[in-house]
Amino acid sequence: MKADHLIDRMAQATVSSPGPDHVLVQPITILRDTRMAIFQHPTSTVEFPPMILGAGTRLAFACGIKQVVWRRLRSAVVFEIAISAAGRPEQVLFSTTLDPARRAEDRRWAEHEVDLSRFDGQSVCLVLRTSVPRDGDSSYAWAGWADPRLVHEEEDRPRPARAVRRRHPHVFLISADALRPDFLGCYGHPEV
């Protein structure tokens, strides 16, 4: 299995956000669990360049809201992942809403996995979005995607042929300077 971490592709991604610090790669800690994440303050979009999916691809990630703002959070945060493939219209693959200010079960990293195997071998664009509900307030909506990654079987790629080398035996020459033969058992020393 091979994992392609989307964080490694952030430099090529197209970002749409209200300000320059609304989408960043940074560690985020929730309940002493620190993970490298894409910090994505609503309302913002991160669109990754096209990538070809391998066999049996799954998108694994966790989403959460920084613990330091749970008491200040004014609105729930909507997390959404969409995909577009082969000129077809974009379709939403995943959507969830977290509200740790009002729901105890949202006070953690929420682990998820999305099956993308129906897109195996296709060139796709993935889009991560965060938003707040209509008439919501995005103040302190410090949301993050923890290590989003594509997990798939690695392709069997043909390897370049190696030049045929003839095997030569290894020869080891061990020599000792100023070693008298009468100090060696093989030359008759009774104890060595």
N, C-alpha and C. Protein backbone atom coordinates (compact mmCIF):
# COMPACT_ATOMS: atom_id res chain seq x y z
N MET A 1 0.84 -1.18 0.00
CA MET A 1 0.00 0.00 0.00
C MET A 1 0.88 1.24 0.00
N LYS A 2 0.38 2.27 -0.61
CA LYS A 2 1.11 3.52 -0.73
C LYS A 2 0.19 4.64 -0.26
N ALA A 3 0.75 5.65 0.40
CA ALA A 3 -0.03 6.80 0.85
C ALA A 3 0.53 8.06 0.21
N ASP A 4 -0.34 8.84 -0.41
CA ASP A 4 0.02 10.15 -0.95
C ASP A 4 -0.63 11.19 -0.05
N HIS A 5 0.20 11.94 0.67
CA HIS A 5 -0.29 12.93 1.62
C HIS A 5 -0.61 14.24 0.90
N LEU A 6 -1.85 14.69 1.02
CA LEU A 6 -2.26 15.91 0.33
C LEU A 6 -1.53 17.14 0.86
N ILE A 7 -1.08 17.10 2.09
CA ILE A 7 -0.30 18.22 2.63
C ILE A 7 0.93 18.47 1.77
N ASP A 8 1.53 17.40 1.23
CA ASP A 8 2.71 17.55 0.38
C ASP A 8 2.38 18.23 -0.95
N ARG A 9 1.11 18.32 -1.32
CA ARG A 9 0.69 18.93 -2.58
C ARG A 9 0.12 20.34 -2.39
N MET A 10 0.20 20.88 -1.19
CA MET A 10 -0.39 22.19 -0.93
C MET A 10 0.23 23.30 -1.77
N ALA A 11 1.51 23.20 -2.08
CA ALA A 11 2.16 24.25 -2.87
C ALA A 11 1.57 24.34 -4.28
N GLN A 12 1.00 23.25 -4.80
CA GLN A 12 0.39 23.25 -6.13
C GLN A 12 -1.12 23.48 -6.09
N ALA A 13 -1.70 23.51 -4.90
CA ALA A 13 -3.16 23.65 -4.78
C ALA A 13 -3.60 25.09 -5.02
N THR A 14 -4.85 25.22 -5.48
CA THR A 14 -5.47 26.53 -5.66
C THR A 14 -6.31 26.80 -4.42
N VAL A 15 -6.03 27.92 -3.74
CA VAL A 15 -6.70 28.25 -2.49
C VAL A 15 -7.57 29.47 -2.68
N SER A 16 -8.80 29.38 -2.20
CA SER A 16 -9.72 30.51 -2.20
C SER A 16 -10.15 30.73 -0.75
N SER A 17 -9.80 31.89 -0.17
CA SER A 17 -10.13 32.16 1.22
C SER A 17 -10.21 33.67 1.45
N PRO A 18 -10.83 34.09 2.56
CA PRO A 18 -10.97 35.51 2.83
C PRO A 18 -9.65 36.24 3.09
N GLY A 19 -8.64 35.54 3.53
CA GLY A 19 -7.36 36.19 3.81
C GLY A 19 -6.20 35.23 3.68
N PRO A 20 -4.96 35.76 3.68
CA PRO A 20 -3.78 34.92 3.45
C PRO A 20 -3.51 33.91 4.57
N ASP A 21 -3.97 34.17 5.78
CA ASP A 21 -3.72 33.26 6.88
C ASP A 21 -4.90 32.34 7.19
N HIS A 22 -5.86 32.29 6.28
CA HIS A 22 -7.03 31.44 6.50
C HIS A 22 -6.81 29.99 6.10
N VAL A 23 -5.79 29.72 5.31
CA VAL A 23 -5.46 28.35 4.92
C VAL A 23 -3.95 28.18 5.05
N LEU A 24 -3.54 27.30 5.97
CA LEU A 24 -2.12 27.06 6.25
C LEU A 24 -1.90 25.60 6.60
N VAL A 25 -0.68 25.13 6.45
CA VAL A 25 -0.30 23.82 6.96
C VAL A 25 0.34 24.06 8.33
N GLN A 26 -0.20 23.41 9.36
CA GLN A 26 0.30 23.61 10.71
C GLN A 26 -0.13 22.45 11.61
N PRO A 27 0.59 22.26 12.73
CA PRO A 27 0.14 21.26 13.69
C PRO A 27 -1.08 21.79 14.45
N ILE A 28 -2.05 20.91 14.68
CA ILE A 28 -3.24 21.26 15.44
C ILE A 28 -3.39 20.22 16.55
N THR A 29 -3.63 20.71 17.77
CA THR A 29 -3.77 19.83 18.92
C THR A 29 -5.22 19.83 19.41
N ILE A 30 -5.76 18.62 19.56
CA ILE A 30 -7.09 18.43 20.16
C ILE A 30 -6.94 17.34 21.20
N LEU A 31 -7.23 17.67 22.45
CA LEU A 31 -7.12 16.73 23.56
C LEU A 31 -5.75 16.03 23.60
N ARG A 32 -4.71 16.80 23.54
CA ARG A 32 -3.31 16.33 23.59
C ARG A 32 -2.91 15.48 22.40
N ASP A 33 -3.72 15.44 21.38
CA ASP A 33 -3.43 14.68 20.16
C ASP A 33 -3.05 15.70 19.07
N THR A 34 -1.76 15.85 18.84
CA THR A 34 -1.26 16.82 17.86
C THR A 34 -1.02 16.14 16.53
N ARG A 35 -1.59 16.73 15.49
CA ARG A 35 -1.43 16.18 14.13
C ARG A 35 -1.11 17.30 13.16
N MET A 36 -0.32 16.96 12.15
CA MET A 36 -0.07 17.92 11.08
C MET A 36 -1.35 18.01 10.26
N ALA A 37 -1.76 19.25 9.98
CA ALA A 37 -3.08 19.43 9.38
C ALA A 37 -3.09 20.60 8.40
N ILE A 38 -4.14 20.62 7.60
CA ILE A 38 -4.44 21.78 6.77
C ILE A 38 -5.45 22.60 7.56
N PHE A 39 -4.97 23.72 8.11
CA PHE A 39 -5.85 24.65 8.82
C PHE A 39 -6.66 25.38 7.75
N GLN A 40 -7.98 25.36 7.89
CA GLN A 40 -8.83 25.92 6.84
C GLN A 40 -10.01 26.66 7.48
N HIS A 41 -9.79 27.95 7.71
CA HIS A 41 -10.82 28.79 8.33
C HIS A 41 -11.93 29.05 7.31
N PRO A 42 -13.19 28.85 7.70
CA PRO A 42 -14.31 29.07 6.77
C PRO A 42 -14.44 30.55 6.40
N THR A 43 -14.95 30.85 5.31
CA THR A 43 -15.33 29.98 4.21
C THR A 43 -14.15 29.94 3.25
N SER A 44 -13.66 28.74 2.98
CA SER A 44 -12.49 28.61 2.10
C SER A 44 -12.53 27.29 1.35
N THR A 45 -11.75 27.27 0.27
CA THR A 45 -11.68 26.11 -0.62
C THR A 45 -10.23 25.84 -0.97
N VAL A 46 -9.86 24.57 -0.96
CA VAL A 46 -8.54 24.14 -1.42
C VAL A 46 -8.78 23.12 -2.52
N GLU A 47 -8.33 23.44 -3.74
CA GLU A 47 -8.49 22.52 -4.88
C GLU A 47 -7.12 22.03 -5.30
N PHE A 48 -6.97 20.71 -5.27
CA PHE A 48 -5.69 20.09 -5.62
C PHE A 48 -5.63 19.84 -7.12
N PRO A 49 -4.43 19.92 -7.70
CA PRO A 49 -4.30 19.66 -9.14
C PRO A 49 -4.66 18.21 -9.46
N PRO A 50 -4.93 17.91 -10.73
CA PRO A 50 -5.32 16.55 -11.11
C PRO A 50 -4.28 15.51 -10.68
N MET A 51 -4.78 14.37 -10.24
CA MET A 51 -3.91 13.26 -9.88
C MET A 51 -4.58 11.96 -10.33
N ILE A 52 -3.77 11.00 -10.72
CA ILE A 52 -4.30 9.71 -11.16
C ILE A 52 -4.35 8.77 -9.97
N LEU A 53 -5.51 8.19 -9.74
CA LEU A 53 -5.70 7.30 -8.60
C LEU A 53 -5.27 5.88 -8.94
N GLY A 54 -4.67 5.23 -7.97
CA GLY A 54 -4.26 3.83 -8.13
C GLY A 54 -5.43 2.90 -7.85
N ALA A 55 -5.12 1.64 -7.68
CA ALA A 55 -6.16 0.63 -7.45
C ALA A 55 -6.62 0.65 -6.00
N GLY A 56 -7.93 0.53 -5.80
CA GLY A 56 -8.49 0.45 -4.45
C GLY A 56 -8.27 1.68 -3.60
N THR A 57 -8.33 2.85 -4.20
CA THR A 57 -8.00 4.08 -3.49
C THR A 57 -9.03 4.43 -2.43
N ARG A 58 -8.51 4.86 -1.26
CA ARG A 58 -9.32 5.39 -0.17
C ARG A 58 -8.75 6.74 0.24
N LEU A 59 -9.61 7.65 0.63
CA LEU A 59 -9.18 8.94 1.17
C LEU A 59 -9.36 8.86 2.67
N ALA A 60 -8.25 8.91 3.41
CA ALA A 60 -8.29 8.83 4.88
C ALA A 60 -7.92 10.18 5.46
N PHE A 61 -8.62 10.60 6.52
CA PHE A 61 -8.37 11.91 7.13
C PHE A 61 -9.13 11.99 8.45
N ALA A 62 -8.86 13.04 9.18
CA ALA A 62 -9.66 13.38 10.35
C ALA A 62 -9.97 14.86 10.24
N CYS A 63 -11.09 15.27 10.78
CA CYS A 63 -11.39 16.70 10.81
C CYS A 63 -11.71 17.10 12.24
N GLY A 64 -11.43 18.36 12.54
CA GLY A 64 -11.66 18.83 13.90
C GLY A 64 -11.55 20.34 13.98
N ILE A 65 -11.88 20.87 15.15
CA ILE A 65 -11.80 22.30 15.41
C ILE A 65 -10.86 22.49 16.59
N LYS A 66 -9.95 23.46 16.49
CA LYS A 66 -8.96 23.68 17.52
C LYS A 66 -9.62 23.81 18.89
N GLN A 67 -9.05 23.08 19.83
CA GLN A 67 -9.62 23.04 21.18
C GLN A 67 -9.63 24.41 21.85
N VAL A 68 -8.65 25.25 21.56
CA VAL A 68 -8.55 26.56 22.24
C VAL A 68 -9.71 27.49 21.95
N VAL A 69 -10.54 27.18 20.92
CA VAL A 69 -11.65 28.07 20.57
C VAL A 69 -13.02 27.47 20.83
N TRP A 70 -13.10 26.30 21.42
CA TRP A 70 -14.40 25.66 21.60
C TRP A 70 -15.40 26.56 22.32
N ARG A 71 -14.96 27.28 23.35
CA ARG A 71 -15.88 28.14 24.11
C ARG A 71 -16.25 29.41 23.36
N ARG A 72 -15.42 29.82 22.43
CA ARG A 72 -15.67 31.05 21.68
C ARG A 72 -16.39 30.82 20.36
N LEU A 73 -16.45 29.58 19.93
CA LEU A 73 -17.04 29.23 18.64
C LEU A 73 -18.49 29.68 18.57
N ARG A 74 -18.83 30.42 17.52
CA ARG A 74 -20.18 30.99 17.41
C ARG A 74 -21.10 30.18 16.51
N SER A 75 -20.54 29.42 15.59
CA SER A 75 -21.34 28.61 14.66
C SER A 75 -20.67 27.26 14.45
N ALA A 76 -21.46 26.31 14.04
CA ALA A 76 -20.92 25.01 13.64
C ALA A 76 -20.08 25.21 12.37
N VAL A 77 -19.23 24.23 12.09
CA VAL A 77 -18.41 24.28 10.88
C VAL A 77 -18.76 23.08 10.00
N VAL A 78 -18.98 23.35 8.73
CA VAL A 78 -19.29 22.31 7.76
C VAL A 78 -18.01 21.96 7.01
N PHE A 79 -17.67 20.67 7.00
CA PHE A 79 -16.51 20.14 6.27
C PHE A 79 -17.06 19.38 5.07
N GLU A 80 -16.47 19.63 3.90
CA GLU A 80 -16.98 18.98 2.68
C GLU A 80 -15.81 18.63 1.77
N ILE A 81 -15.92 17.46 1.14
CA ILE A 81 -14.94 17.03 0.14
C ILE A 81 -15.70 16.72 -1.14
N ALA A 82 -15.21 17.30 -2.24
CA ALA A 82 -15.82 17.06 -3.55
C ALA A 82 -14.75 16.53 -4.50
N ILE A 83 -15.21 15.92 -5.60
CA ILE A 83 -14.31 15.37 -6.60
C ILE A 83 -14.86 15.68 -7.97
N SER A 84 -13.95 15.93 -8.91
CA SER A 84 -14.35 16.04 -10.32
C SER A 84 -13.42 15.14 -11.10
N ALA A 85 -13.99 14.43 -12.06
CA ALA A 85 -13.22 13.47 -12.84
C ALA A 85 -13.67 13.49 -14.29
N ALA A 86 -12.73 13.45 -15.19
CA ALA A 86 -12.97 13.28 -16.64
C ALA A 86 -14.06 14.21 -17.16
N GLY A 87 -14.01 15.46 -16.82
CA GLY A 87 -14.94 16.43 -17.37
C GLY A 87 -16.35 16.34 -16.85
N ARG A 88 -16.60 15.42 -15.92
CA ARG A 88 -17.93 15.30 -15.34
C ARG A 88 -18.13 16.38 -14.28
N PRO A 89 -19.37 16.71 -13.97
CA PRO A 89 -19.61 17.72 -12.94
C PRO A 89 -19.08 17.28 -11.58
N GLU A 90 -18.72 18.23 -10.78
CA GLU A 90 -18.23 17.96 -9.44
C GLU A 90 -19.31 17.27 -8.60
N GLN A 91 -18.88 16.30 -7.80
CA GLN A 91 -19.83 15.64 -6.90
C GLN A 91 -19.26 15.62 -5.49
N VAL A 92 -20.12 15.80 -4.51
CA VAL A 92 -19.72 15.79 -3.11
C VAL A 92 -19.56 14.35 -2.65
N LEU A 93 -18.41 14.04 -2.08
CA LEU A 93 -18.11 12.70 -1.57
C LEU A 93 -18.35 12.59 -0.08
N PHE A 94 -18.17 13.70 0.62
CA PHE A 94 -18.20 13.66 2.07
C PHE A 94 -18.68 15.01 2.60
N SER A 95 -19.49 14.96 3.66
CA SER A 95 -19.93 16.19 4.32
C SER A 95 -20.25 15.86 5.77
N THR A 96 -19.77 16.69 6.67
CA THR A 96 -20.10 16.56 8.08
C THR A 96 -20.08 17.94 8.71
N THR A 97 -20.77 18.07 9.83
CA THR A 97 -20.82 19.33 10.56
C THR A 97 -20.34 19.08 11.98
N LEU A 98 -19.38 19.90 12.44
CA LEU A 98 -18.87 19.79 13.81
C LEU A 98 -19.21 21.05 14.59
N ASP A 99 -19.61 20.86 15.83
CA ASP A 99 -19.97 21.98 16.70
C ASP A 99 -19.55 21.66 18.14
N PRO A 100 -18.23 21.71 18.42
CA PRO A 100 -17.76 21.33 19.75
C PRO A 100 -18.22 22.27 20.87
N ALA A 101 -18.66 23.46 20.53
CA ALA A 101 -19.17 24.38 21.55
C ALA A 101 -20.47 23.86 22.15
N ARG A 102 -21.25 23.11 21.36
CA ARG A 102 -22.56 22.66 21.81
C ARG A 102 -22.71 21.13 21.85
N ARG A 103 -21.78 20.39 21.24
CA ARG A 103 -21.90 18.93 21.22
C ARG A 103 -20.60 18.29 21.71
N ALA A 104 -20.66 17.59 22.80
CA ALA A 104 -19.48 16.96 23.40
C ALA A 104 -18.84 15.95 22.46
N GLU A 105 -19.64 15.25 21.66
CA GLU A 105 -19.09 14.23 20.75
C GLU A 105 -18.21 14.82 19.65
N ASP A 106 -18.29 16.15 19.44
CA ASP A 106 -17.45 16.80 18.43
C ASP A 106 -16.14 17.34 19.01
N ARG A 107 -15.86 17.04 20.27
CA ARG A 107 -14.65 17.53 20.93
C ARG A 107 -13.54 16.49 20.82
N ARG A 108 -13.14 16.22 19.58
CA ARG A 108 -12.11 15.22 19.27
C ARG A 108 -11.77 15.35 17.79
N TRP A 109 -10.76 14.60 17.37
CA TRP A 109 -10.53 14.42 15.94
C TRP A 109 -11.56 13.41 15.45
N ALA A 110 -12.34 13.77 14.46
CA ALA A 110 -13.33 12.86 13.88
C ALA A 110 -12.68 12.13 12.70
N GLU A 111 -12.44 10.84 12.87
CA GLU A 111 -11.76 10.02 11.86
C GLU A 111 -12.74 9.61 10.77
N HIS A 112 -12.26 9.67 9.50
CA HIS A 112 -13.11 9.28 8.38
C HIS A 112 -12.28 8.61 7.30
N GLU A 113 -12.97 7.82 6.48
CA GLU A 113 -12.36 7.21 5.31
C GLU A 113 -13.42 7.15 4.21
N VAL A 114 -13.05 7.59 3.01
CA VAL A 114 -13.98 7.62 1.88
C VAL A 114 -13.43 6.70 0.80
N ASP A 115 -14.26 5.78 0.32
CA ASP A 115 -13.88 4.85 -0.73
C ASP A 115 -13.92 5.56 -2.08
N LEU A 116 -12.78 5.61 -2.75
CA LEU A 116 -12.69 6.23 -4.08
C LEU A 116 -12.43 5.19 -5.17
N SER A 117 -12.63 3.91 -4.87
CA SER A 117 -12.27 2.85 -5.82
C SER A 117 -13.03 2.97 -7.14
N ARG A 118 -14.19 3.60 -7.15
CA ARG A 118 -14.92 3.75 -8.42
C ARG A 118 -14.20 4.70 -9.38
N PHE A 119 -13.19 5.41 -8.87
CA PHE A 119 -12.40 6.32 -9.72
C PHE A 119 -11.01 5.76 -10.02
N ASP A 120 -10.78 4.48 -9.72
CA ASP A 120 -9.46 3.87 -9.95
C ASP A 120 -8.98 4.12 -11.38
N GLY A 121 -7.72 4.53 -11.48
CA GLY A 121 -7.09 4.75 -12.78
C GLY A 121 -7.48 6.05 -13.46
N GLN A 122 -8.37 6.82 -12.86
CA GLN A 122 -8.82 8.08 -13.47
C GLN A 122 -8.04 9.27 -12.92
N SER A 123 -7.99 10.32 -13.71
CA SER A 123 -7.41 11.59 -13.27
C SER A 123 -8.53 12.38 -12.60
N VAL A 124 -8.30 12.75 -11.34
CA VAL A 124 -9.34 13.44 -10.57
C VAL A 124 -8.77 14.69 -9.90
N CYS A 125 -9.66 15.61 -9.57
CA CYS A 125 -9.32 16.78 -8.76
C CYS A 125 -10.12 16.68 -7.47
N LEU A 126 -9.44 16.81 -6.33
CA LEU A 126 -10.10 16.79 -5.03
C LEU A 126 -10.20 18.22 -4.50
N VAL A 127 -11.33 18.51 -3.85
CA VAL A 127 -11.58 19.84 -3.31
C VAL A 127 -11.98 19.71 -1.85
N LEU A 128 -11.29 20.43 -0.97
CA LEU A 128 -11.64 20.50 0.45
C LEU A 128 -12.31 21.85 0.70
N ARG A 129 -13.45 21.83 1.39
CA ARG A 129 -14.17 23.08 1.68
C ARG A 129 -14.53 23.12 3.16
N THR A 130 -14.48 24.32 3.72
CA THR A 130 -15.06 24.56 5.04
C THR A 130 -15.98 25.77 4.92
N SER A 131 -17.08 25.72 5.67
CA SER A 131 -18.04 26.82 5.65
C SER A 131 -18.81 26.80 6.96
N VAL A 132 -19.65 27.81 7.15
CA VAL A 132 -20.57 27.83 8.28
C VAL A 132 -21.98 27.81 7.71
N PRO A 133 -22.97 27.35 8.48
CA PRO A 133 -24.35 27.35 7.97
C PRO A 133 -24.81 28.76 7.62
N ARG A 134 -25.84 28.84 6.81
CA ARG A 134 -26.40 30.13 6.41
C ARG A 134 -26.68 30.98 7.65
N ASP A 135 -26.33 32.24 7.56
CA ASP A 135 -26.46 33.21 8.67
C ASP A 135 -25.57 32.87 9.85
N GLY A 136 -24.59 31.98 9.64
CA GLY A 136 -23.65 31.63 10.71
C GLY A 136 -22.53 32.66 10.81
N ASP A 137 -21.77 32.58 11.88
CA ASP A 137 -20.65 33.49 12.14
C ASP A 137 -19.37 32.65 12.13
N SER A 138 -18.45 32.98 11.25
CA SER A 138 -17.22 32.18 11.13
C SER A 138 -16.13 32.61 12.12
N SER A 139 -16.43 33.53 13.03
CA SER A 139 -15.44 33.92 14.04
C SER A 139 -15.02 32.71 14.86
N TYR A 140 -13.74 32.55 15.02
CA TYR A 140 -13.15 31.46 15.81
C TYR A 140 -13.46 30.06 15.26
N ALA A 141 -13.84 29.97 14.03
CA ALA A 141 -14.10 28.66 13.42
C ALA A 141 -12.78 28.11 12.88
N TRP A 142 -11.88 27.77 13.79
CA TRP A 142 -10.54 27.35 13.43
C TRP A 142 -10.53 25.85 13.15
N ALA A 143 -10.87 25.52 11.93
CA ALA A 143 -11.07 24.13 11.50
C ALA A 143 -9.80 23.57 10.86
N GLY A 144 -9.69 22.25 10.88
CA GLY A 144 -8.54 21.62 10.25
C GLY A 144 -8.82 20.21 9.77
N TRP A 145 -8.08 19.84 8.73
CA TRP A 145 -8.10 18.48 8.17
C TRP A 145 -6.79 17.82 8.56
N ALA A 146 -6.82 16.79 9.40
CA ALA A 146 -5.60 16.13 9.85
C ALA A 146 -5.12 15.11 8.82
N ASP A 147 -3.93 15.35 8.31
CA ASP A 147 -3.24 14.44 7.40
C ASP A 147 -4.14 13.76 6.37
N PRO A 148 -4.83 14.53 5.52
CA PRO A 148 -5.61 13.88 4.46
C PRO A 148 -4.66 13.16 3.50
N ARG A 149 -4.97 11.91 3.20
CA ARG A 149 -4.06 11.13 2.36
C ARG A 149 -4.83 10.13 1.52
N LEU A 150 -4.31 9.89 0.32
CA LEU A 150 -4.85 8.88 -0.57
C LEU A 150 -4.08 7.59 -0.32
N VAL A 151 -4.77 6.53 0.01
CA VAL A 151 -4.14 5.24 0.28
C VAL A 151 -4.59 4.30 -0.83
N HIS A 152 -3.63 3.72 -1.54
CA HIS A 152 -3.96 2.81 -2.65
C HIS A 152 -2.86 1.81 -2.86
N GLU A 153 -3.19 0.81 -3.62
CA GLU A 153 -2.19 -0.20 -3.97
C GLU A 153 -1.22 0.40 -4.95
N GLU A 154 0.04 0.09 -4.77
CA GLU A 154 1.06 0.63 -5.64
C GLU A 154 1.08 -0.16 -6.95
N GLU A 155 1.24 0.57 -8.02
CA GLU A 155 1.27 -0.07 -9.34
C GLU A 155 2.54 -0.89 -9.50
N ASP A 156 2.42 -2.00 -10.23
CA ASP A 156 3.61 -2.76 -10.60
C ASP A 156 4.18 -2.12 -11.85
N ARG A 157 5.19 -1.32 -11.65
CA ARG A 157 5.80 -0.64 -12.79
C ARG A 157 6.99 -1.46 -13.28
N PRO A 158 7.16 -1.54 -14.59
CA PRO A 158 8.32 -2.28 -15.07
C PRO A 158 9.60 -1.59 -14.63
N ARG A 159 10.51 -2.38 -14.15
CA ARG A 159 11.78 -1.83 -13.71
C ARG A 159 12.78 -1.91 -14.85
N PRO A 160 13.65 -0.91 -14.95
CA PRO A 160 14.65 -0.97 -16.02
C PRO A 160 15.56 -2.20 -15.82
N ALA A 161 15.87 -2.84 -16.94
CA ALA A 161 16.72 -4.03 -16.89
C ALA A 161 18.11 -3.64 -16.45
N ARG A 162 18.67 -4.44 -15.58
CA ARG A 162 20.04 -4.18 -15.13
C ARG A 162 21.00 -4.86 -16.09
N ALA A 163 22.12 -4.25 -16.24
CA ALA A 163 23.16 -4.86 -17.08
C ALA A 163 23.61 -6.16 -16.42
N VAL A 164 23.80 -7.17 -17.22
CA VAL A 164 24.23 -8.46 -16.71
C VAL A 164 25.71 -8.36 -16.34
N ARG A 165 25.97 -8.65 -15.08
CA ARG A 165 27.37 -8.59 -14.63
C ARG A 165 27.84 -10.00 -14.38
N ARG A 166 29.05 -10.26 -14.82
CA ARG A 166 29.63 -11.58 -14.53
C ARG A 166 30.12 -11.57 -13.10
N ARG A 167 29.84 -12.65 -12.43
CA ARG A 167 30.27 -12.75 -11.04
C ARG A 167 31.73 -13.16 -10.98
N HIS A 168 32.45 -12.40 -10.20
CA HIS A 168 33.84 -12.73 -9.93
C HIS A 168 33.93 -13.12 -8.47
N PRO A 169 34.71 -14.15 -8.17
CA PRO A 169 34.84 -14.53 -6.77
C PRO A 169 35.56 -13.43 -5.99
N HIS A 170 35.17 -13.32 -4.74
CA HIS A 170 35.85 -12.36 -3.87
C HIS A 170 37.11 -13.03 -3.34
N VAL A 171 38.18 -12.30 -3.38
CA VAL A 171 39.45 -12.81 -2.88
C VAL A 171 39.87 -11.91 -1.73
N PHE A 172 40.10 -12.52 -0.56
CA PHE A 172 40.56 -11.77 0.60
C PHE A 172 41.99 -12.16 0.88
N LEU A 173 42.86 -11.20 0.97
CA LEU A 173 44.26 -11.43 1.31
C LEU A 173 44.47 -10.84 2.69
N ILE A 174 44.84 -11.71 3.62
CA ILE A 174 45.09 -11.26 4.98
C ILE A 174 46.58 -11.40 5.22
N SER A 175 47.19 -10.31 5.61
CA SER A 175 48.64 -10.36 5.85
C SER A 175 48.94 -9.71 7.18
N ALA A 176 50.05 -10.11 7.76
CA ALA A 176 50.48 -9.53 9.03
C ALA A 176 51.96 -9.23 8.94
N ASP A 177 52.35 -8.07 9.37
CA ASP A 177 53.74 -7.65 9.32
C ASP A 177 54.42 -8.04 10.62
N ALA A 178 55.57 -8.58 10.54
CA ALA A 178 56.41 -8.95 11.69
C ALA A 178 55.75 -10.00 12.58
N LEU A 179 55.10 -10.97 11.98
CA LEU A 179 54.50 -12.06 12.73
C LEU A 179 55.32 -13.32 12.44
N ARG A 180 55.97 -13.79 13.47
CA ARG A 180 56.84 -14.94 13.29
C ARG A 180 56.02 -16.21 13.15
N PRO A 181 56.44 -17.13 12.27
CA PRO A 181 55.69 -18.36 12.08
C PRO A 181 55.62 -19.24 13.31
N ASP A 182 56.58 -19.17 14.21
CA ASP A 182 56.53 -20.03 15.37
C ASP A 182 55.52 -19.56 16.41
N PHE A 183 54.83 -18.46 16.18
CA PHE A 183 53.76 -17.98 17.05
C PHE A 183 52.38 -18.36 16.51
N LEU A 184 52.31 -19.19 15.51
CA LEU A 184 51.03 -19.61 14.93
C LEU A 184 50.87 -21.11 15.09
N GLY A 185 49.66 -21.52 15.48
CA GLY A 185 49.37 -22.95 15.65
C GLY A 185 49.52 -23.71 14.35
N CYS A 186 49.18 -23.06 13.23
CA CYS A 186 49.28 -23.76 11.95
C CYS A 186 50.74 -24.05 11.56
N TYR A 187 51.66 -23.39 12.25
CA TYR A 187 53.08 -23.66 11.99
C TYR A 187 53.75 -24.41 13.14
N GLY A 188 52.92 -24.92 14.06
CA GLY A 188 53.45 -25.80 15.08
C GLY A 188 53.52 -25.26 16.48
N HIS A 189 53.08 -24.06 16.78
CA HIS A 189 53.10 -23.58 18.16
C HIS A 189 52.13 -24.45 18.97
N PRO A 190 52.55 -24.95 20.13
CA PRO A 190 51.74 -25.89 20.87
C PRO A 190 50.48 -25.29 21.53
N GLU A 191 50.44 -23.99 21.84
CA GLU A 191 49.31 -23.43 22.57
C GLU A 191 48.43 -22.48 21.74
N VAL A 192 48.94 -21.93 20.67
CA VAL A 192 48.18 -20.95 19.89
C VAL A 192 47.50 -21.64 18.73
